[in-house]
Amino acid sequence: MSKVIQVLAQIASDALLINQDSLTKMLLLAEISQNQKESMIAMDIDALTDSIHDLPDIKCFPIVIPEDEEHKTSIINQHLINFKQG
């Protein structure tokens, strides 16, 4: 991944690489995968991200704890205590 970042930094800092031909020549010499080179030439950020993304997708699910019966009773009791008759 650091090689891809170095190549992107070089592209960003070199004004001569604005031309498609010079960009292609520079990428031919770069030590990155063919898929990464093609993604950069096509300016396809999603494909480039997929090619350097080597971490698994982390999925997080909240743990839902069932409501305590005692808690329900205290809420009901509180409503009955605060209940006023007119």
PDB file of N, CA and C in Angstrom:
ATOM      1  N   MET A   1       0.825  -1.187   0.000  1.00  0.00           N
ATOM      2  CA  MET A   1       0.000   0.000   0.000  1.00  0.00           C
ATOM      3  C   MET A   1       0.870   1.253   0.000  1.00  0.00           C
ATOM      4  N   SER A   2       2.009   1.228   0.667  1.00  0.00           N
ATOM      5  CA  SER A   2       2.848   2.416   0.726  1.00  0.00           C
ATOM      6  C   SER A   2       3.411   2.775  -0.649  1.00  0.00           C
ATOM      7  N   LYS A   3       3.629   1.763  -1.503  1.00  0.00           N
ATOM      8  CA  LYS A   3       4.115   2.050  -2.856  1.00  0.00           C
ATOM      9  C   LYS A   3       3.057   2.796  -3.662  1.00  0.00           C
ATOM     10  N   VAL A   4       1.794   2.426  -3.472  1.00  0.00           N
ATOM     11  CA  VAL A   4       0.700   3.114  -4.165  1.00  0.00           C
ATOM     12  C   VAL A   4       0.633   4.560  -3.702  1.00  0.00           C
ATOM     13  N   ILE A   5       0.790   4.776  -2.409  1.00  0.00           N
ATOM     14  CA  ILE A   5       0.754   6.139  -1.872  1.00  0.00           C
ATOM     15  C   ILE A   5       1.923   6.950  -2.407  1.00  0.00           C
ATOM     16  N   GLN A   6       3.097   6.336  -2.501  1.00  0.00           N
ATOM     17  CA  GLN A   6       4.260   7.034  -3.053  1.00  0.00           C
ATOM     18  C   GLN A   6       4.031   7.420  -4.513  1.00  0.00           C
ATOM     19  N   VAL A   7       3.439   6.519  -5.286  1.00  0.00           N
ATOM     20  CA  VAL A   7       3.153   6.813  -6.694  1.00  0.00           C
ATOM     21  C   VAL A   7       2.136   7.946  -6.798  1.00  0.00           C
ATOM     22  N   LEU A   8       1.095   7.901  -5.974  1.00  0.00           N
ATOM     23  CA  LEU A   8       0.091   8.971  -5.990  1.00  0.00           C
ATOM     24  C   LEU A   8       0.698  10.313  -5.583  1.00  0.00           C
ATOM     25  N   ALA A   9       1.605  10.292  -4.610  1.00  0.00           N
ATOM     26  CA  ALA A   9       2.278  11.524  -4.193  1.00  0.00           C
ATOM     27  C   ALA A   9       3.158  12.067  -5.314  1.00  0.00           C
ATOM     28  N   GLN A  10       3.821  11.174  -6.031  1.00  0.00           N
ATOM     29  CA  GLN A  10       4.657  11.597  -7.156  1.00  0.00           C
ATOM     30  C   GLN A  10       3.800  12.206  -8.265  1.00  0.00           C
ATOM     31  N   ILE A  11       2.656  11.596  -8.537  1.00  0.00           N
ATOM     32  CA  ILE A  11       1.744  12.132  -9.555  1.00  0.00           C
ATOM     33  C   ILE A  11       1.260  13.518  -9.148  1.00  0.00           C
ATOM     34  N   ALA A  12       0.945  13.674  -7.869  1.00  0.00           N
ATOM     35  CA  ALA A  12       0.433  14.959  -7.376  1.00  0.00           C
ATOM     36  C   ALA A  12       1.494  16.049  -7.387  1.00  0.00           C
ATOM     37  N   SER A  13       2.753  15.676  -7.208  1.00  0.00           N
ATOM     38  CA  SER A  13       3.801  16.687  -7.102  1.00  0.00           C
ATOM     39  C   SER A  13       4.498  17.009  -8.427  1.00  0.00           C
ATOM     40  N   ASP A  14       4.311  16.199  -9.449  1.00  0.00           N
ATOM     41  CA  ASP A  14       4.997  16.410 -10.729  1.00  0.00           C
ATOM     42  C   ASP A  14       4.018  16.957 -11.763  1.00  0.00           C
ATOM     43  N   ALA A  15       4.198  18.203 -12.135  1.00  0.00           N
ATOM     44  CA  ALA A  15       3.297  18.861 -13.083  1.00  0.00           C
ATOM     45  C   ALA A  15       3.389  18.255 -14.482  1.00  0.00           C
ATOM     46  N   LEU A  16       4.481  17.589 -14.797  1.00  0.00           N
ATOM     47  CA  LEU A  16       4.637  16.989 -16.121  1.00  0.00           C
ATOM     48  C   LEU A  16       3.761  15.746 -16.299  1.00  0.00           C
ATOM     49  N   LEU A  17       3.260  15.193 -15.208  1.00  0.00           N
ATOM     50  CA  LEU A  17       2.464  13.970 -15.285  1.00  0.00           C
ATOM     51  C   LEU A  17       0.985  14.243 -15.537  1.00  0.00           C
ATOM     52  N   ILE A  18       0.680  15.459 -15.939  1.00  0.00           N
ATOM     53  CA  ILE A  18      -0.716  15.796 -16.243  1.00  0.00           C
ATOM     54  C   ILE A  18      -1.129  15.204 -17.593  1.00  0.00           C
ATOM     55  N   ASN A  19      -0.160  14.940 -18.433  1.00  0.00           N
ATOM     56  CA  ASN A  19      -0.389  14.346 -19.749  1.00  0.00           C
ATOM     57  C   ASN A  19      -0.595  12.834 -19.590  1.00  0.00           C
ATOM     58  N   GLN A  20      -1.575  12.279 -20.287  1.00  0.00           N
ATOM     59  CA  GLN A  20      -1.896  10.844 -20.181  1.00  0.00           C
ATOM     60  C   GLN A  20      -0.711   9.972 -20.598  1.00  0.00           C
ATOM     61  N   ASP A  21       0.022  10.377 -21.632  1.00  0.00           N
ATOM     62  CA  ASP A  21       1.173   9.584 -22.087  1.00  0.00           C
ATOM     63  C   ASP A  21       2.287   9.556 -21.046  1.00  0.00           C
ATOM     64  N   SER A  22       2.596  10.703 -20.465  1.00  0.00           N
ATOM     65  CA  SER A  22       3.661  10.740 -19.458  1.00  0.00           C
ATOM     66  C   SER A  22       3.244   9.998 -18.189  1.00  0.00           C
ATOM     67  N   LEU A  23       1.963  10.056 -17.865  1.00  0.00           N
ATOM     68  CA  LEU A  23       1.456   9.314 -16.710  1.00  0.00           C
ATOM     69  C   LEU A  23       1.583   7.805 -16.952  1.00  0.00           C
ATOM     70  N   THR A  24       1.239   7.370 -18.146  1.00  0.00           N
ATOM     71  CA  THR A  24       1.330   5.949 -18.490  1.00  0.00           C
ATOM     72  C   THR A  24       2.779   5.471 -18.441  1.00  0.00           C
ATOM     73  N   LYS A  25       3.705   6.280 -18.957  1.00  0.00           N
ATOM     74  CA  LYS A  25       5.126   5.908 -18.935  1.00  0.00           C
ATOM     75  C   LYS A  25       5.641   5.799 -17.503  1.00  0.00           C
ATOM     76  N   MET A  26       5.240   6.742 -16.653  1.00  0.00           N
ATOM     77  CA  MET A  26       5.678   6.709 -15.261  1.00  0.00           C
ATOM     78  C   MET A  26       5.113   5.478 -14.550  1.00  0.00           C
ATOM     79  N   LEU A  27       3.853   5.155 -14.826  1.00  0.00           N
ATOM     80  CA  LEU A  27       3.235   4.004 -14.174  1.00  0.00           C
ATOM     81  C   LEU A  27       3.841   2.682 -14.636  1.00  0.00           C
ATOM     82  N   LEU A  28       4.347   2.631 -15.879  1.00  0.00           N
ATOM     83  CA  LEU A  28       5.007   1.410 -16.357  1.00  0.00           C
ATOM     84  C   LEU A  28       6.250   1.089 -15.531  1.00  0.00           C
ATOM     85  N   LEU A  29       6.923   2.141 -15.053  1.00  0.00           N
ATOM     86  CA  LEU A  29       8.139   1.952 -14.258  1.00  0.00           C
ATOM     87  C   LEU A  29       7.843   1.756 -12.772  1.00  0.00           C
ATOM     88  N   ALA A  30       6.644   2.065 -12.358  1.00  0.00           N
ATOM     89  CA  ALA A  30       6.289   1.966 -10.937  1.00  0.00           C
ATOM     90  C   ALA A  30       6.199   0.507 -10.499  1.00  0.00           C
ATOM     91  N   GLU A  31       6.578   0.259  -9.261  1.00  0.00           N
ATOM     92  CA  GLU A  31       6.555  -1.103  -8.719  1.00  0.00           C
ATOM     93  C   GLU A  31       5.229  -1.360  -7.997  1.00  0.00           C
ATOM     94  N   ILE A  32       4.150  -1.339  -8.763  1.00  0.00           N
ATOM     95  CA  ILE A  32       2.819  -1.633  -8.236  1.00  0.00           C
ATOM     96  C   ILE A  32       2.169  -2.656  -9.159  1.00  0.00           C
ATOM     97  N   SER A  33       1.072  -3.223  -8.727  1.00  0.00           N
ATOM     98  CA  SER A  33       0.436  -4.272  -9.528  1.00  0.00           C
ATOM     99  C   SER A  33      -0.191  -3.693 -10.800  1.00  0.00           C
ATOM    100  N   GLN A  34      -0.404  -4.559 -11.759  1.00  0.00           N
ATOM    101  CA  GLN A  34      -1.013  -4.147 -13.030  1.00  0.00           C
ATOM    102  C   GLN A  34      -2.417  -3.600 -12.794  1.00  0.00           C
ATOM    103  N   ASN A  35      -3.150  -4.219 -11.889  1.00  0.00           N
ATOM    104  CA  ASN A  35      -4.499  -3.767 -11.562  1.00  0.00           C
ATOM    105  C   ASN A  35      -4.475  -2.339 -11.003  1.00  0.00           C
ATOM    106  N   GLN A  36      -3.490  -2.054 -10.166  1.00  0.00           N
ATOM    107  CA  GLN A  36      -3.359  -0.713  -9.599  1.00  0.00           C
ATOM    108  C   GLN A  36      -2.981   0.307 -10.674  1.00  0.00           C
ATOM    109  N   LYS A  37      -2.115  -0.099 -11.594  1.00  0.00           N
ATOM    110  CA  LYS A  37      -1.737   0.794 -12.694  1.00  0.00           C
ATOM    111  C   LYS A  37      -2.945   1.126 -13.560  1.00  0.00           C
ATOM    112  N   GLU A  38      -3.720   0.100 -13.896  1.00  0.00           N
ATOM    113  CA  GLU A  38      -4.905   0.315 -14.728  1.00  0.00           C
ATOM    114  C   GLU A  38      -5.932   1.195 -14.017  1.00  0.00           C
ATOM    115  N   SER A  39      -6.057   1.014 -12.717  1.00  0.00           N
ATOM    116  CA  SER A  39      -6.993   1.838 -11.945  1.00  0.00           C
ATOM    117  C   SER A  39      -6.566   3.298 -11.943  1.00  0.00           C
ATOM    118  N   MET A  40      -5.265   3.541 -11.836  1.00  0.00           N
ATOM    119  CA  MET A  40      -4.767   4.919 -11.839  1.00  0.00           C
ATOM    120  C   MET A  40      -4.941   5.563 -13.206  1.00  0.00           C
ATOM    121  N   ILE A  41      -4.662   4.820 -14.257  1.00  0.00           N
ATOM    122  CA  ILE A  41      -4.820   5.365 -15.610  1.00  0.00           C
ATOM    123  C   ILE A  41      -6.284   5.691 -15.876  1.00  0.00           C
ATOM    124  N   ALA A  42      -7.175   4.812 -15.437  1.00  0.00           N
ATOM    125  CA  ALA A  42      -8.613   5.027 -15.647  1.00  0.00           C
ATOM    126  C   ALA A  42      -9.201   6.014 -14.641  1.00  0.00           C
ATOM    127  N   MET A  43      -8.385   6.409 -13.655  1.00  0.00           N
ATOM    128  CA  MET A  43      -8.828   7.293 -12.571  1.00  0.00           C
ATOM    129  C   MET A  43     -10.044   6.708 -11.859  1.00  0.00           C
ATOM    130  N   ASP A  44      -9.981   5.410 -11.617  1.00  0.00           N
ATOM    131  CA  ASP A  44     -11.055   4.678 -10.947  1.00  0.00           C
ATOM    132  C   ASP A  44     -10.667   4.460  -9.483  1.00  0.00           C
ATOM    133  N   ILE A  45     -11.119   5.361  -8.627  1.00  0.00           N
ATOM    134  CA  ILE A  45     -10.734   5.309  -7.216  1.00  0.00           C
ATOM    135  C   ILE A  45     -11.287   4.069  -6.520  1.00  0.00           C
ATOM    136  N   ASP A  46     -12.465   3.614  -6.923  1.00  0.00           N
ATOM    137  CA  ASP A  46     -13.051   2.428  -6.289  1.00  0.00           C
ATOM    138  C   ASP A  46     -12.220   1.180  -6.576  1.00  0.00           C
ATOM    139  N   ALA A  47     -11.800   1.028  -7.817  1.00  0.00           N
ATOM    140  CA  ALA A  47     -10.973  -0.127  -8.171  1.00  0.00           C
ATOM    141  C   ALA A  47      -9.611  -0.048  -7.479  1.00  0.00           C
ATOM    142  N   LEU A  48      -9.058   1.159  -7.386  1.00  0.00           N
ATOM    143  CA  LEU A  48      -7.772   1.331  -6.707  1.00  0.00           C
ATOM    144  C   LEU A  48      -7.911   1.008  -5.225  1.00  0.00           C
ATOM    145  N   THR A  49      -8.977   1.472  -4.618  1.00  0.00           N
ATOM    146  CA  THR A  49      -9.218   1.182  -3.200  1.00  0.00           C
ATOM    147  C   THR A  49      -9.375  -0.313  -2.976  1.00  0.00           C
ATOM    148  N   ASP A  50     -10.107  -0.971  -3.852  1.00  0.00           N
ATOM    149  CA  ASP A  50     -10.284  -2.422  -3.722  1.00  0.00           C
ATOM    150  C   ASP A  50      -8.963  -3.166  -3.871  1.00  0.00           C
ATOM    151  N   SER A  51      -8.064  -2.641  -4.695  1.00  0.00           N
ATOM    152  CA  SER A  51      -6.795  -3.332  -4.927  1.00  0.00           C
ATOM    153  C   SER A  51      -5.832  -3.190  -3.752  1.00  0.00           C
ATOM    154  N   ILE A  52      -5.958  -2.138  -2.957  1.00  0.00           N
ATOM    155  CA  ILE A  52      -5.046  -1.965  -1.820  1.00  0.00           C
ATOM    156  C   ILE A  52      -5.708  -2.293  -0.496  1.00  0.00           C
ATOM    157  N   HIS A  53      -6.981  -2.521  -0.522  1.00  0.00           N
ATOM    158  CA  HIS A  53      -7.709  -2.797   0.712  1.00  0.00           C
ATOM    159  C   HIS A  53      -7.513  -4.257   1.078  1.00  0.00           C
ATOM    160  N   ASP A  54      -6.645  -4.512   2.061  1.00  0.00           N
ATOM    161  CA  ASP A  54      -6.359  -5.896   2.424  1.00  0.00           C
ATOM    162  C   ASP A  54      -6.924  -6.286   3.787  1.00  0.00           C
ATOM    163  N   LEU A  55      -7.766  -5.437   4.349  1.00  0.00           N
ATOM    164  CA  LEU A  55      -8.384  -5.751   5.628  1.00  0.00           C
ATOM    165  C   LEU A  55      -9.782  -6.310   5.412  1.00  0.00           C
ATOM    166  N   PRO A  56     -10.205  -7.223   6.241  1.00  0.00           N
ATOM    167  CA  PRO A  56     -11.569  -7.754   6.091  1.00  0.00           C
ATOM    168  C   PRO A  56     -12.598  -6.703   6.497  1.00  0.00           C
ATOM    169  N   ASP A  57     -13.786  -6.832   5.959  1.00  0.00           N
ATOM    170  CA  ASP A  57     -14.868  -5.943   6.361  1.00  0.00           C
ATOM    171  C   ASP A  57     -15.253  -6.280   7.789  1.00  0.00           C
ATOM    172  N   ILE A  58     -15.304  -5.261   8.610  1.00  0.00           N
ATOM    173  CA  ILE A  58     -15.658  -5.459  10.009  1.00  0.00           C
ATOM    174  C   ILE A  58     -17.126  -5.117  10.170  1.00  0.00           C
ATOM    175  N   LYS A  59     -17.857  -6.063  10.656  1.00  0.00           N
ATOM    176  CA  LYS A  59     -19.287  -5.852  10.860  1.00  0.00           C
ATOM    177  C   LYS A  59     -19.552  -5.864  12.354  1.00  0.00           C
ATOM    178  N   CYS A  60     -20.282  -4.877  12.802  1.00  0.00           N
ATOM    179  CA  CYS A  60     -20.566  -4.741  14.216  1.00  0.00           C
ATOM    180  C   CYS A  60     -22.074  -4.748  14.430  1.00  0.00           C
ATOM    181  N   PHE A  61     -22.512  -5.550  15.351  1.00  0.00           N
ATOM    182  CA  PHE A  61     -23.934  -5.626  15.665  1.00  0.00           C
ATOM    183  C   PHE A  61     -24.125  -5.288  17.138  1.00  0.00           C
ATOM    184  N   PRO A  62     -25.057  -4.403  17.442  1.00  0.00           N
ATOM    185  CA  PRO A  62     -25.285  -4.065  18.858  1.00  0.00           C
ATOM    186  C   PRO A  62     -25.916  -5.246  19.598  1.00  0.00           C
ATOM    187  N   ILE A  63     -25.515  -5.395  20.826  1.00  0.00           N
ATOM    188  CA  ILE A  63     -26.087  -6.447  21.659  1.00  0.00           C
ATOM    189  C   ILE A  63     -27.329  -5.872  22.337  1.00  0.00           C
ATOM    190  N   VAL A  64     -28.451  -6.504  22.112  1.00  0.00           N
ATOM    191  CA  VAL A  64     -29.708  -6.041  22.693  1.00  0.00           C
ATOM    192  C   VAL A  64     -30.025  -6.923  23.890  1.00  0.00           C
ATOM    193  N   ILE A  65     -30.053  -6.286  25.043  1.00  0.00           N
ATOM    194  CA  ILE A  65     -30.348  -7.006  26.275  1.00  0.00           C
ATOM    195  C   ILE A  65     -31.840  -6.872  26.553  1.00  0.00           C
ATOM    196  N   PRO A  66     -32.512  -7.971  26.829  1.00  0.00           N
ATOM    197  CA  PRO A  66     -33.951  -7.873  27.096  1.00  0.00           C
ATOM    198  C   PRO A  66     -34.218  -7.015  28.327  1.00  0.00           C
ATOM    199  N   GLU A  67     -35.315  -6.299  28.278  1.00  0.00           N
ATOM    200  CA  GLU A  67     -35.646  -5.402  29.366  1.00  0.00           C
ATOM    201  C   GLU A  67     -35.970  -6.208  30.622  1.00  0.00           C
ATOM    202  N   ASP A  68     -35.503  -5.718  31.723  1.00  0.00           N
ATOM    203  CA  ASP A  68     -35.679  -6.392  32.998  1.00  0.00           C
ATOM    204  C   ASP A  68     -37.106  -6.207  33.509  1.00  0.00           C
ATOM    205  N   GLU A  69     -37.708  -7.276  34.005  1.00  0.00           N
ATOM    206  CA  GLU A  69     -39.078  -7.208  34.534  1.00  0.00           C
ATOM    207  C   GLU A  69     -39.149  -6.260  35.729  1.00  0.00           C
ATOM    208  N   GLU A  70     -38.098  -6.235  36.535  1.00  0.00           N
ATOM    209  CA  GLU A  70     -38.080  -5.363  37.710  1.00  0.00           C
ATOM    210  C   GLU A  70     -38.128  -3.897  37.290  1.00  0.00           C
ATOM    211  N   HIS A  71     -37.427  -3.580  36.201  1.00  0.00           N
ATOM    212  CA  HIS A  71     -37.423  -2.210  35.681  1.00  0.00           C
ATOM    213  C   HIS A  71     -38.826  -1.812  35.233  1.00  0.00           C
ATOM    214  N   LYS A  72     -39.538  -2.722  34.577  1.00  0.00           N
ATOM    215  CA  LYS A  72     -40.905  -2.437  34.136  1.00  0.00           C
ATOM    216  C   LYS A  72     -41.807  -2.176  35.338  1.00  0.00           C
ATOM    217  N   THR A  73     -41.657  -2.978  36.371  1.00  0.00           N
ATOM    218  CA  THR A  73     -42.482  -2.834  37.571  1.00  0.00           C
ATOM    219  C   THR A  73     -42.250  -1.483  38.228  1.00  0.00           C
ATOM    220  N   SER A  74     -41.000  -1.051  38.306  1.00  0.00           N
ATOM    221  CA  SER A  74     -40.712   0.240  38.939  1.00  0.00           C
ATOM    222  C   SER A  74     -41.294   1.387  38.127  1.00  0.00           C
ATOM    223  N   ILE A  75     -41.306   1.269  36.808  1.00  0.00           N
ATOM    224  CA  ILE A  75     -41.907   2.313  35.973  1.00  0.00           C
ATOM    225  C   ILE A  75     -43.410   2.351  36.200  1.00  0.00           C
ATOM    226  N   ILE A  76     -44.044   1.194  36.261  1.00  0.00           N
ATOM    227  CA  ILE A  76     -45.492   1.142  36.501  1.00  0.00           C
ATOM    228  C   ILE A  76     -45.805   1.713  37.879  1.00  0.00           C
ATOM    229  N   ASN A  77     -45.042   1.332  38.891  1.00  0.00           N
ATOM    230  CA  ASN A  77     -45.264   1.845  40.243  1.00  0.00           C
ATOM    231  C   ASN A  77     -45.075   3.355  40.298  1.00  0.00           C
ATOM    232  N   GLN A  78     -44.085   3.869  39.585  1.00  0.00           N
ATOM    233  CA  GLN A  78     -43.835   5.308  39.579  1.00  0.00           C
ATOM    234  C   GLN A  78     -45.020   6.037  38.961  1.00  0.00           C
ATOM    235  N   HIS A  79     -45.587   5.510  37.911  1.00  0.00           N
ATOM    236  CA  HIS A  79     -46.745   6.141  37.287  1.00  0.00           C
ATOM    237  C   HIS A  79     -47.948   6.110  38.229  1.00  0.00           C
ATOM    238  N   LEU A  80     -48.122   5.030  38.961  1.00  0.00           N
ATOM    239  CA  LEU A  80     -49.243   4.929  39.889  1.00  0.00           C
ATOM    240  C   LEU A  80     -49.065   5.866  41.079  1.00  0.00           C
ATOM    241  N   ILE A  81     -47.831   6.027  41.544  1.00  0.00           N
ATOM    242  CA  ILE A  81     -47.568   6.930  42.671  1.00  0.00           C
ATOM    243  C   ILE A  81     -47.810   8.376  42.257  1.00  0.00           C
ATOM    244  N   ASN A  82     -47.380   8.745  41.057  1.00  0.00           N
ATOM    245  CA  ASN A  82     -47.531  10.121  40.582  1.00  0.00           C
ATOM    246  C   ASN A  82     -48.923  10.408  40.035  1.00  0.00           C
ATOM    247  N   PHE A  83     -49.771   9.406  40.003  1.00  0.00           N
ATOM    248  CA  PHE A  83     -51.122   9.580  39.459  1.00  0.00           C
ATOM    249  C   PHE A  83     -51.986  10.341  40.455  1.00  0.00           C
ATOM    250  N   LYS A  84     -52.608  11.384  39.988  1.00  0.00           N
ATOM    251  CA  LYS A  84     -53.479  12.191  40.854  1.00  0.00           C
ATOM    252  C   LYS A  84     -54.890  12.124  40.321  1.00  0.00           C
ATOM    253  N   GLN A  85     -55.813  12.010  41.219  1.00  0.00           N
ATOM    254  CA  GLN A  85     -57.213  12.033  40.809  1.00  0.00           C
ATOM    255  C   GLN A  85     -57.736  13.448  40.989  1.00  0.00           C
ATOM    256  N   GLY A  86     -58.599  13.855  40.065  1.00  0.00           N
ATOM    257  CA  GLY A  86     -59.089  15.213  40.037  1.00  0.00           C
ATOM    258  C   GLY A  86     -60.177  15.527  40.921  1.00  0.00           C
TER     259      GLY A  86
END
